[in-house]
Amino acid sequence: MTHCSNCHQSTGEGLSNLYPPIKGSALLKDKAFLSCIIRNGMEGTILVNGKEFNRPMPGNPKLTDIEIAEIVTFVSVKWGKDSVYTPITFVEEALTKCKAR
């Protein structure tokens, strides 16, 4: 709620045509990529639930690896129909493999 809900809303449904929903997004199935987006941000067009969004998402490099693991766990369980927590070791490995934009 602290880091994501300003844009993606507390419901995970995004904000009109400005910010994409997290709820129901296929990105929730790729926790490694999601970890990279949270840390480094993302640019370009993204298709979420059949709708295009073309607004850059700023990364949050100040978040610790454990905070990113907690965020990935939260959104995956809340809106991705997952029931497994995301270990910090998984996030650490994912972050070493992704490139900063």
N, C-alpha and C. Protein backbone atom coordinates (compact mmCIF):
# COMPACT_ATOMS: atom_id res chain seq x y z
N MET A 1 0.82 -1.20 0.00
CA MET A 1 0.00 0.00 0.00
C MET A 1 0.87 1.26 0.00
N THR A 2 1.98 1.20 0.69
CA THR A 2 2.84 2.38 0.81
C THR A 2 3.49 2.75 -0.52
N HIS A 3 3.95 1.78 -1.27
CA HIS A 3 4.76 2.07 -2.45
C HIS A 3 4.01 1.96 -3.77
N CYS A 4 2.88 1.32 -3.81
CA CYS A 4 2.23 1.03 -5.09
C CYS A 4 0.84 1.63 -5.26
N SER A 5 0.13 1.83 -4.16
CA SER A 5 -1.29 2.17 -4.28
C SER A 5 -1.56 3.58 -4.79
N ASN A 6 -0.58 4.48 -4.73
CA ASN A 6 -0.82 5.82 -5.28
C ASN A 6 -1.21 5.74 -6.75
N CYS A 7 -0.58 4.85 -7.48
CA CYS A 7 -0.88 4.71 -8.91
C CYS A 7 -1.80 3.53 -9.20
N HIS A 8 -1.51 2.40 -8.60
CA HIS A 8 -2.26 1.18 -8.92
C HIS A 8 -3.50 1.01 -8.05
N GLN A 9 -3.70 1.90 -7.10
CA GLN A 9 -4.85 1.93 -6.20
C GLN A 9 -4.84 0.77 -5.21
N SER A 10 -5.52 0.95 -4.11
CA SER A 10 -5.56 -0.08 -3.07
C SER A 10 -6.31 -1.33 -3.52
N THR A 11 -7.09 -1.19 -4.56
CA THR A 11 -7.84 -2.32 -5.12
C THR A 11 -7.03 -3.09 -6.16
N GLY A 12 -5.88 -2.52 -6.57
CA GLY A 12 -5.06 -3.15 -7.60
C GLY A 12 -5.61 -2.94 -9.00
N GLU A 13 -6.63 -2.10 -9.14
CA GLU A 13 -7.30 -1.92 -10.43
C GLU A 13 -6.76 -0.78 -11.26
N GLY A 14 -5.70 -0.13 -10.80
CA GLY A 14 -5.10 0.95 -11.57
C GLY A 14 -5.94 2.21 -11.54
N LEU A 15 -5.58 3.14 -12.41
CA LEU A 15 -6.29 4.42 -12.45
C LEU A 15 -6.61 4.77 -13.89
N SER A 16 -7.83 4.45 -14.29
CA SER A 16 -8.35 4.79 -15.60
C SER A 16 -7.37 4.42 -16.71
N ASN A 17 -7.05 5.38 -17.57
CA ASN A 17 -6.12 5.13 -18.67
C ASN A 17 -4.69 5.50 -18.32
N LEU A 18 -4.47 5.92 -17.08
CA LEU A 18 -3.14 6.38 -16.69
C LEU A 18 -2.23 5.27 -16.21
N TYR A 19 -2.70 4.49 -15.25
CA TYR A 19 -1.86 3.48 -14.61
C TYR A 19 -2.51 2.11 -14.71
N PRO A 20 -1.76 1.12 -15.13
CA PRO A 20 -2.35 -0.21 -15.35
C PRO A 20 -2.72 -0.92 -14.06
N PRO A 21 -3.69 -1.80 -14.15
CA PRO A 21 -4.04 -2.60 -12.99
C PRO A 21 -2.98 -3.66 -12.71
N ILE A 22 -2.83 -3.97 -11.45
CA ILE A 22 -2.01 -5.11 -11.04
C ILE A 22 -2.92 -6.34 -11.02
N LYS A 23 -4.12 -6.13 -10.56
CA LYS A 23 -5.11 -7.20 -10.44
C LYS A 23 -5.35 -7.85 -11.80
N GLY A 24 -5.12 -9.14 -11.87
CA GLY A 24 -5.36 -9.88 -13.09
C GLY A 24 -4.26 -9.77 -14.14
N SER A 25 -3.19 -9.05 -13.85
CA SER A 25 -2.12 -8.87 -14.82
C SER A 25 -1.32 -10.16 -14.98
N ALA A 26 -0.97 -10.48 -16.22
CA ALA A 26 -0.14 -11.65 -16.51
C ALA A 26 1.26 -11.50 -15.92
N LEU A 27 1.68 -10.27 -15.66
CA LEU A 27 3.01 -10.04 -15.08
C LEU A 27 3.14 -10.68 -13.71
N LEU A 28 2.04 -10.90 -13.03
CA LEU A 28 2.10 -11.51 -11.70
C LEU A 28 2.61 -12.94 -11.74
N LYS A 29 2.58 -13.55 -12.92
CA LYS A 29 3.05 -14.93 -13.06
C LYS A 29 4.57 -15.01 -13.18
N ASP A 30 5.21 -13.87 -13.42
CA ASP A 30 6.67 -13.84 -13.57
C ASP A 30 7.26 -13.02 -12.44
N LYS A 31 7.48 -13.68 -11.31
CA LYS A 31 7.95 -12.98 -10.11
C LYS A 31 9.34 -12.39 -10.28
N ALA A 32 10.18 -13.00 -11.09
CA ALA A 32 11.52 -12.46 -11.33
C ALA A 32 11.42 -11.13 -12.08
N PHE A 33 10.63 -11.11 -13.12
CA PHE A 33 10.43 -9.89 -13.90
C PHE A 33 9.77 -8.82 -13.05
N LEU A 34 8.79 -9.21 -12.26
CA LEU A 34 8.11 -8.28 -11.37
C LEU A 34 9.10 -7.65 -10.38
N SER A 35 10.01 -8.45 -9.85
CA SER A 35 11.03 -7.93 -8.94
C SER A 35 11.89 -6.88 -9.63
N CYS A 36 12.26 -7.15 -10.87
CA CYS A 36 13.07 -6.20 -11.64
C CYS A 36 12.32 -4.90 -11.92
N ILE A 37 11.04 -5.01 -12.24
CA ILE A 37 10.24 -3.82 -12.49
C ILE A 37 10.16 -2.96 -11.23
N ILE A 38 9.93 -3.58 -10.11
CA ILE A 38 9.82 -2.83 -8.85
C ILE A 38 11.13 -2.09 -8.57
N ARG A 39 12.26 -2.74 -8.75
CA ARG A 39 13.56 -2.12 -8.47
C ARG A 39 13.95 -1.08 -9.51
N ASN A 40 13.81 -1.45 -10.81
CA ASN A 40 14.37 -0.63 -11.89
C ASN A 40 13.36 0.17 -12.70
N GLY A 41 12.09 -0.11 -12.53
CA GLY A 41 11.08 0.58 -13.32
C GLY A 41 10.90 -0.09 -14.67
N MET A 42 10.09 0.56 -15.51
CA MET A 42 9.76 -0.02 -16.81
C MET A 42 9.31 1.07 -17.75
N GLU A 43 9.70 0.96 -19.01
CA GLU A 43 9.26 1.89 -20.04
C GLU A 43 8.68 1.12 -21.20
N GLY A 44 7.90 1.80 -22.01
CA GLY A 44 7.34 1.16 -23.20
C GLY A 44 5.89 0.79 -23.00
N THR A 45 5.34 0.21 -24.02
CA THR A 45 3.93 -0.16 -24.01
C THR A 45 3.76 -1.52 -23.35
N ILE A 46 2.72 -1.62 -22.53
CA ILE A 46 2.41 -2.88 -21.87
C ILE A 46 0.91 -3.15 -22.07
N LEU A 47 0.58 -4.40 -22.31
CA LEU A 47 -0.80 -4.82 -22.48
C LEU A 47 -1.24 -5.51 -21.20
N VAL A 48 -2.25 -4.96 -20.54
CA VAL A 48 -2.77 -5.53 -19.30
C VAL A 48 -4.27 -5.69 -19.43
N ASN A 49 -4.72 -6.92 -19.29
CA ASN A 49 -6.14 -7.23 -19.37
C ASN A 49 -6.77 -6.68 -20.66
N GLY A 50 -6.04 -6.79 -21.77
CA GLY A 50 -6.57 -6.39 -23.06
C GLY A 50 -6.49 -4.90 -23.35
N LYS A 51 -5.84 -4.14 -22.49
CA LYS A 51 -5.77 -2.69 -22.66
C LYS A 51 -4.31 -2.25 -22.67
N GLU A 52 -3.95 -1.35 -23.60
CA GLU A 52 -2.57 -0.87 -23.70
C GLU A 52 -2.33 0.31 -22.77
N PHE A 53 -1.16 0.29 -22.14
CA PHE A 53 -0.71 1.40 -21.31
C PHE A 53 0.69 1.76 -21.79
N ASN A 54 0.95 3.04 -21.93
CA ASN A 54 2.25 3.49 -22.40
C ASN A 54 2.75 4.64 -21.52
N ARG A 55 2.91 4.34 -20.28
CA ARG A 55 3.37 5.33 -19.31
C ARG A 55 4.53 4.70 -18.52
N PRO A 56 5.66 5.39 -18.42
CA PRO A 56 6.77 4.78 -17.70
C PRO A 56 6.46 4.59 -16.22
N MET A 57 6.96 3.50 -15.68
CA MET A 57 6.85 3.27 -14.25
C MET A 57 8.23 3.49 -13.65
N PRO A 58 8.33 4.42 -12.71
CA PRO A 58 9.63 4.62 -12.08
C PRO A 58 9.97 3.46 -11.17
N GLY A 59 11.23 3.11 -11.13
CA GLY A 59 11.68 2.08 -10.20
C GLY A 59 11.84 2.67 -8.81
N ASN A 60 12.07 1.80 -7.87
CA ASN A 60 12.31 2.25 -6.51
C ASN A 60 13.58 1.58 -6.00
N PRO A 61 14.75 2.14 -6.37
CA PRO A 61 16.02 1.52 -5.99
C PRO A 61 16.31 1.56 -4.50
N LYS A 62 15.54 2.33 -3.75
CA LYS A 62 15.77 2.42 -2.30
C LYS A 62 15.14 1.26 -1.53
N LEU A 63 14.26 0.52 -2.18
CA LEU A 63 13.66 -0.63 -1.51
C LEU A 63 14.71 -1.71 -1.30
N THR A 64 14.67 -2.33 -0.15
CA THR A 64 15.58 -3.44 0.12
C THR A 64 15.05 -4.70 -0.58
N ASP A 65 15.91 -5.70 -0.69
CA ASP A 65 15.50 -6.95 -1.32
C ASP A 65 14.34 -7.60 -0.56
N ILE A 66 14.37 -7.51 0.76
CA ILE A 66 13.28 -8.11 1.55
C ILE A 66 11.98 -7.34 1.33
N GLU A 67 12.05 -6.03 1.17
CA GLU A 67 10.83 -5.25 0.89
C GLU A 67 10.26 -5.63 -0.47
N ILE A 68 11.13 -5.83 -1.45
CA ILE A 68 10.65 -6.25 -2.77
C ILE A 68 10.03 -7.63 -2.69
N ALA A 69 10.64 -8.54 -1.95
CA ALA A 69 10.07 -9.88 -1.76
C ALA A 69 8.69 -9.79 -1.11
N GLU A 70 8.54 -8.91 -0.14
CA GLU A 70 7.25 -8.74 0.52
C GLU A 70 6.20 -8.17 -0.43
N ILE A 71 6.59 -7.21 -1.26
CA ILE A 71 5.66 -6.62 -2.23
C ILE A 71 5.25 -7.67 -3.27
N VAL A 72 6.22 -8.41 -3.79
CA VAL A 72 5.91 -9.45 -4.78
C VAL A 72 4.98 -10.50 -4.16
N THR A 73 5.25 -10.89 -2.94
CA THR A 73 4.38 -11.85 -2.26
C THR A 73 2.97 -11.29 -2.11
N PHE A 74 2.88 -10.05 -1.65
CA PHE A 74 1.57 -9.43 -1.43
C PHE A 74 0.74 -9.38 -2.71
N VAL A 75 1.31 -8.81 -3.78
CA VAL A 75 0.52 -8.65 -5.00
C VAL A 75 0.22 -10.00 -5.66
N SER A 76 1.15 -10.95 -5.53
CA SER A 76 0.93 -12.28 -6.12
C SER A 76 -0.18 -13.04 -5.42
N VAL A 77 -0.23 -12.92 -4.12
CA VAL A 77 -1.27 -13.60 -3.34
C VAL A 77 -2.60 -12.86 -3.48
N LYS A 78 -2.55 -11.54 -3.36
CA LYS A 78 -3.77 -10.73 -3.37
C LYS A 78 -4.46 -10.74 -4.74
N TRP A 79 -3.69 -10.56 -5.82
CA TRP A 79 -4.30 -10.38 -7.14
C TRP A 79 -3.83 -11.38 -8.18
N GLY A 80 -2.92 -12.27 -7.84
CA GLY A 80 -2.41 -13.20 -8.83
C GLY A 80 -2.81 -14.64 -8.60
N LYS A 81 -3.69 -14.86 -7.66
CA LYS A 81 -4.18 -16.21 -7.35
C LYS A 81 -3.05 -17.16 -6.97
N ASP A 82 -2.04 -16.62 -6.29
CA ASP A 82 -0.91 -17.42 -5.84
C ASP A 82 -1.08 -17.65 -4.34
N SER A 83 -0.47 -18.68 -3.82
CA SER A 83 -0.57 -18.94 -2.39
C SER A 83 0.79 -19.21 -1.76
N VAL A 84 1.85 -18.87 -2.51
CA VAL A 84 3.21 -19.15 -2.05
C VAL A 84 3.96 -17.84 -1.86
N TYR A 85 4.63 -17.71 -0.72
CA TYR A 85 5.41 -16.50 -0.49
C TYR A 85 6.64 -16.50 -1.39
N THR A 86 7.18 -15.32 -1.62
CA THR A 86 8.36 -15.17 -2.45
C THR A 86 9.58 -15.01 -1.55
N PRO A 87 10.49 -15.97 -1.55
CA PRO A 87 11.66 -15.88 -0.67
C PRO A 87 12.63 -14.78 -1.10
N ILE A 88 13.29 -14.20 -0.13
CA ILE A 88 14.27 -13.15 -0.43
C ILE A 88 15.38 -13.68 -1.32
N THR A 89 15.75 -14.94 -1.17
CA THR A 89 16.81 -15.51 -2.00
C THR A 89 16.41 -15.53 -3.48
N PHE A 90 15.13 -15.76 -3.74
CA PHE A 90 14.62 -15.72 -5.11
C PHE A 90 14.76 -14.31 -5.68
N VAL A 91 14.36 -13.31 -4.89
CA VAL A 91 14.43 -11.92 -5.33
C VAL A 91 15.88 -11.49 -5.53
N GLU A 92 16.75 -11.87 -4.63
CA GLU A 92 18.17 -11.52 -4.77
C GLU A 92 18.74 -12.06 -6.08
N GLU A 93 18.42 -13.30 -6.39
CA GLU A 93 18.90 -13.90 -7.63
C GLU A 93 18.30 -13.21 -8.85
N ALA A 94 17.00 -12.92 -8.79
CA ALA A 94 16.34 -12.25 -9.90
C ALA A 94 16.94 -10.87 -10.15
N LEU A 95 17.23 -10.15 -9.08
CA LEU A 95 17.77 -8.80 -9.21
C LEU A 95 19.19 -8.79 -9.76
N THR A 96 19.95 -9.84 -9.51
CA THR A 96 21.30 -9.90 -10.08
C THR A 96 21.26 -10.17 -11.58
N LYS A 97 20.16 -10.74 -12.04
CA LYS A 97 20.04 -11.10 -13.47
C LYS A 97 19.38 -9.99 -14.30
N CYS A 98 18.67 -9.08 -13.67
CA CYS A 98 18.00 -8.04 -14.45
C CYS A 98 18.90 -6.83 -14.60
N LYS A 99 18.64 -6.06 -15.63
CA LYS A 99 19.46 -4.90 -15.92
C LYS A 99 18.73 -3.65 -15.49
N ALA A 100 19.46 -2.73 -14.92
CA ALA A 100 18.89 -1.42 -14.61
C ALA A 100 18.63 -0.70 -15.92
N ARG A 101 17.56 0.02 -15.98
CA ARG A 101 17.27 0.73 -17.23
C ARG A 101 18.07 2.00 -17.33
